[in-house]
C-alpha atoms as a PDB file:
ATOM      1  CA  MET A   1      -9.216 -13.136  22.681  1.00  0.00           C
ATOM      2  CA  SER A   2      -5.802 -14.790  22.768  1.00  0.00           C
ATOM      3  CA  VAL A   3      -5.072 -13.971  19.103  1.00  0.00           C
ATOM      4  CA  ALA A   4      -6.682 -10.521  18.969  1.00  0.00           C
ATOM      5  CA  PHE A   5      -4.422  -8.877  21.541  1.00  0.00           C
ATOM      6  CA  PRO A   6      -1.056  -9.699  19.896  1.00  0.00           C
ATOM      7  CA  ILE A   7      -2.439  -8.709  16.484  1.00  0.00           C
ATOM      8  CA  GLY A   8      -3.605  -5.416  17.967  1.00  0.00           C
ATOM      9  CA  LEU A   9      -0.175  -4.871  19.440  1.00  0.00           C
ATOM     10  CA  SER A  10       1.552  -5.610  16.153  1.00  0.00           C
ATOM     11  CA  ILE A  11      -0.623  -3.135  14.248  1.00  0.00           C
ATOM     12  CA  ASP A  12       0.158  -0.266  16.541  1.00  0.00           C
ATOM     13  CA  ASP A  13       1.310   3.300  16.165  1.00  0.00           C
ATOM     14  CA  ASP A  14       4.947   2.289  15.689  1.00  0.00           C
ATOM     15  CA  ASP A  15       4.256   0.588  12.367  1.00  0.00           C
ATOM     16  CA  VAL A  16       2.112   3.499  11.282  1.00  0.00           C
ATOM     17  CA  SER A  17       4.799   6.006  12.255  1.00  0.00           C
ATOM     18  CA  ILE A  18       7.497   4.133  10.288  1.00  0.00           C
ATOM     19  CA  LEU A  19       5.401   4.045   7.120  1.00  0.00           C
ATOM     20  CA  THR A  20       4.135   7.609   7.582  1.00  0.00           C
ATOM     21  CA  ARG A  21       7.671   8.923   7.969  1.00  0.00           C
ATOM     22  CA  SER A  22       8.801   6.926   4.943  1.00  0.00           C
ATOM     23  CA  HIS A  23       5.887   8.192   2.867  1.00  0.00           C
ATOM     24  CA  LYS A  24       6.652  11.812   3.770  1.00  0.00           C
ATOM     25  CA  ASP A  25      10.222  11.371   2.615  1.00  0.00           C
ATOM     26  CA  TYR A  26       9.012   9.601  -0.546  1.00  0.00           C
ATOM     27  CA  ASP A  27       6.857  12.645  -1.341  1.00  0.00           C
ATOM     28  CA  VAL A  28       9.956  14.855  -1.040  1.00  0.00           C
ATOM     29  CA  ASN A  29      12.569  12.864  -2.970  1.00  0.00           C
ATOM     30  CA  GLY A  30      10.520  10.360  -5.025  1.00  0.00           C
ATOM     31  CA  SER A  31      12.691   7.350  -4.174  1.00  0.00           C
ATOM     32  CA  THR A  32      11.273   4.484  -2.134  1.00  0.00           C
ATOM     33  CA  ASP A  33      14.741   3.185  -1.238  1.00  0.00           C
ATOM     34  CA  LYS A  34      15.818   6.524   0.261  1.00  0.00           C
ATOM     35  CA  ALA A  35      12.442   6.951   1.929  1.00  0.00           C
ATOM     36  CA  VAL A  36      12.716   3.585   3.697  1.00  0.00           C
ATOM     37  CA  VAL A  37      16.227   4.336   4.924  1.00  0.00           C
ATOM     38  CA  VAL A  38      15.166   7.735   6.281  1.00  0.00           C
ATOM     39  CA  GLY A  39      11.921   6.385   7.753  1.00  0.00           C
ATOM     40  CA  ILE A  40      13.647   3.553   9.596  1.00  0.00           C
ATOM     41  CA  SER A  41      16.548   5.696  10.798  1.00  0.00           C
ATOM     42  CA  ARG A  42      14.326   8.473  12.149  1.00  0.00           C
ATOM     43  CA  THR A  43      11.847   6.185  13.926  1.00  0.00           C
ATOM     44  CA  ARG A  44      14.185   3.511  15.286  1.00  0.00           C
ATOM     45  CA  GLY A  45      14.567   5.169  18.696  1.00  0.00           C
ATOM     46  CA  PRO A  46      10.868   5.487  19.573  1.00  0.00           C
ATOM     47  CA  VAL A  47      10.037   2.081  18.083  1.00  0.00           C
ATOM     48  CA  THR A  48      12.802   0.335  20.010  1.00  0.00           C
ATOM     49  CA  SER A  49      11.857   2.170  23.214  1.00  0.00           C
ATOM     50  CA  ALA A  50       8.211   1.173  22.876  1.00  0.00           C
ATOM     51  CA  ALA A  51       9.169  -2.458  22.287  1.00  0.00           C
ATOM     52  CA  LEU A  52      11.457  -2.441  25.336  1.00  0.00           C
ATOM     53  CA  ILE A  53       8.733  -0.936  27.516  1.00  0.00           C
ATOM     54  CA  LEU A  54       6.284  -3.632  26.408  1.00  0.00           C
ATOM     55  CA  LEU A  55       8.892  -6.359  26.965  1.00  0.00           C
ATOM     56  CA  LEU A  56       9.566  -5.092  30.489  1.00  0.00           C
ATOM     57  CA  ALA A  57       5.854  -4.860  31.272  1.00  0.00           C
ATOM     58  CA  PHE A  58       5.160  -8.376  30.017  1.00  0.00           C
ATOM     59  CA  GLY A  59       8.300  -9.648  31.745  1.00  0.00           C
ATOM     60  CA  SER A  60       7.107  -8.276  35.060  1.00  0.00           C
ATOM     61  CA  LEU A  61       3.714  -9.918  34.543  1.00  0.00           C
ATOM     62  CA  ALA A  62       5.415 -13.209  33.681  1.00  0.00           C
ATOM     63  CA  SER A  63       7.303 -13.193  36.972  1.00  0.00           C
ATOM     64  CA  GLY A  64       4.078 -13.365  38.985  1.00  0.00           C
ATOM     65  CA  PRO A  65       2.788 -16.438  40.825  1.00  0.00           C
ATOM     66  CA  GLU A  66      -0.295 -17.039  38.666  1.00  0.00           C
ATOM     67  CA  THR A  67       0.428 -19.663  36.000  1.00  0.00           C
ATOM     68  CA  THR A  68      -2.160 -18.473  33.469  1.00  0.00           C
ATOM     69  CA  ILE A  69      -0.933 -14.874  33.573  1.00  0.00           C
ATOM     70  CA  THR A  70       2.672 -16.074  33.314  1.00  0.00           C
ATOM     71  CA  ILE A  71       1.908 -18.095  30.187  1.00  0.00           C
ATOM     72  CA  VAL A  72      -0.031 -15.269  28.506  1.00  0.00           C
ATOM     73  CA  ALA A  73       2.582 -12.643  29.426  1.00  0.00           C
ATOM     74  CA  THR A  74       5.413 -14.838  28.143  1.00  0.00           C
ATOM     75  CA  GLY A  75       3.579 -15.343  24.858  1.00  0.00           C
ATOM     76  CA  LEU A  76       2.934 -11.615  24.521  1.00  0.00           C
ATOM     77  CA  ALA A  77       6.576 -10.821  25.300  1.00  0.00           C
ATOM     78  CA  ALA A  78       7.704 -13.306  22.653  1.00  0.00           C
ATOM     79  CA  GLY A  79       5.259 -11.804  20.143  1.00  0.00           C
ATOM     80  CA  THR A  80       6.487  -8.297  20.898  1.00  0.00           C
ATOM     81  CA  LEU A  81      10.104  -9.371  20.487  1.00  0.00           C
ATOM     82  CA  LEU A  82       9.266 -11.109  17.211  1.00  0.00           C
ATOM     83  CA  ASP A  83       7.383  -8.036  15.965  1.00  0.00           C
ATOM     84  CA  ALA A  84      10.141  -5.595  16.923  1.00  0.00           C
ATOM     85  CA  THR A  85      12.992  -7.613  15.442  1.00  0.00           C
ATOM     86  CA  VAL A  86      11.812  -9.858  12.635  1.00  0.00           C
ATOM     87  CA  LEU A  87       8.842  -7.939  11.266  1.00  0.00           C
ATOM     88  CA  ARG A  88       9.930  -4.311  11.650  1.00  0.00           C
ATOM     89  CA  GLY A  89      13.635  -4.883  11.248  1.00  0.00           C
ATOM     90  CA  LEU A  90      13.923  -7.695   8.729  1.00  0.00           C
ATOM     91  CA  LEU A  91      10.708  -7.872   6.687  1.00  0.00           C
ATOM     92  CA  VAL A  92       9.202  -4.375   6.378  1.00  0.00           C
ATOM     93  CA  PRO A  93      12.237  -2.556   4.873  1.00  0.00           C
ATOM     94  CA  PRO A  94      13.067  -5.064   2.107  1.00  0.00           C
ATOM     95  CA  LEU A  95       9.415  -5.641   1.184  1.00  0.00           C
ATOM     96  CA  THR A  96       8.821  -1.898   0.975  1.00  0.00           C
ATOM     97  CA  MET A  97      11.882  -1.513  -1.244  1.00  0.00           C
ATOM     98  CA  LEU A  98      10.821  -4.494  -3.352  1.00  0.00           C
ATOM     99  CA  PHE A  99       7.397  -3.044  -4.132  1.00  0.00           C
ATOM    100  CA  GLY A 100       8.930   0.334  -4.974  1.00  0.00           C
ATOM    101  CA  ARG A 101       6.495   3.120  -5.755  1.00  0.00           C
ATOM    102  CA  TRP A 102       3.583   0.649  -5.816  1.00  0.00           C
ATOM    103  CA  ILE A 103       3.687   0.431  -2.014  1.00  0.00           C
ATOM    104  CA  TRP A 104       2.310   3.997  -1.901  1.00  0.00           C
ATOM    105  CA  TRP A 105      -0.528   3.422  -4.374  1.00  0.00           C
ATOM    106  CA  LEU A 106      -3.970   4.100  -2.901  1.00  0.00           C
ATOM    107  CA  PRO A 107      -6.911   2.818  -4.978  1.00  0.00           C
ATOM    108  CA  ARG A 108     -10.010   4.937  -5.504  1.00  0.00           C
ATOM    109  CA  MET A 109     -12.358   2.932  -3.220  1.00  0.00           C
ATOM    110  CA  PRO A 110     -10.311   3.025   0.019  1.00  0.00           C
ATOM    111  CA  ALA A 111      -9.325   6.638  -0.698  1.00  0.00           C
ATOM    112  CA  GLY A 112     -12.979   7.652  -0.547  1.00  0.00           C
ATOM    113  CA  VAL A 113     -13.430   6.443   3.030  1.00  0.00           C
ATOM    114  CA  PRO A 114     -11.110   9.040   4.673  1.00  0.00           C
ATOM    115  CA  ARG A 115     -11.949  11.512   1.845  1.00  0.00           C
ATOM    116  CA  MET A 116      -8.467  11.489   0.375  1.00  0.00           C
ATOM    117  CA  GLU A 117      -7.434  11.888  -3.209  1.00  0.00           C
ATOM    118  CA  PRO A 118      -6.548   8.533  -4.824  1.00  0.00           C
ATOM    119  CA  SER A 119      -2.938   8.190  -5.846  1.00  0.00           C
ATOM    120  CA  LEU A 120      -2.979   6.694  -9.291  1.00  0.00           C
ATOM    121  CA  PRO A 121       0.257   5.194 -10.573  1.00  0.00           C
ATOM    122  CA  THR A 122       1.622   6.881 -13.670  1.00  0.00           C
ATOM    123  CA  GLY A 123       3.530   5.231 -16.482  1.00  0.00           C
ATOM    124  CA  ALA A 124       4.117   1.571 -17.142  1.00  0.00           C
ATOM    125  CA  GLU A 125       7.150   1.050 -14.941  1.00  0.00           C
ATOM    126  CA  SER A 126       8.032  -2.192 -13.254  1.00  0.00           C
ATOM    127  CA  VAL A 127       7.225  -2.908  -9.617  1.00  0.00           C
ATOM    128  CA  ALA A 128      10.695  -1.812  -8.529  1.00  0.00           C
ATOM    129  CA  GLY A 129      10.884   0.938 -11.143  1.00  0.00           C
ATOM    130  CA  ASP A 130      12.077   3.811  -8.955  1.00  0.00           C
ATOM    131  CA  ARG A 131      15.490   2.358  -8.206  1.00  0.00           C
END
């Protein structure tokens, strides 16, 4: 229980919206670097707002008299702050740029679950070949 909730918070709609926006721009211009810049710049407001709302909610819970709730809320606030700054701001953009077009590759097996067409990589380019 104590590990599942922060993991669920970190895999939320904000991460999905950043990557979805980046993928849409990648489909238009074909460059992962440009797609990441556009995806981050267009989703930074909602992502930052959501993180601030969660921080305020957990902060208000942490100010209560119950020690157990204070400890859990403080841990969740720290996890949210870590997710919003380190993961989304410092790790996701460079890793996405590092993998290049391979970050958007969808193998045949997982593509069959939501009934999507698999995206097969073309050519023998390097991992960061679209730079």
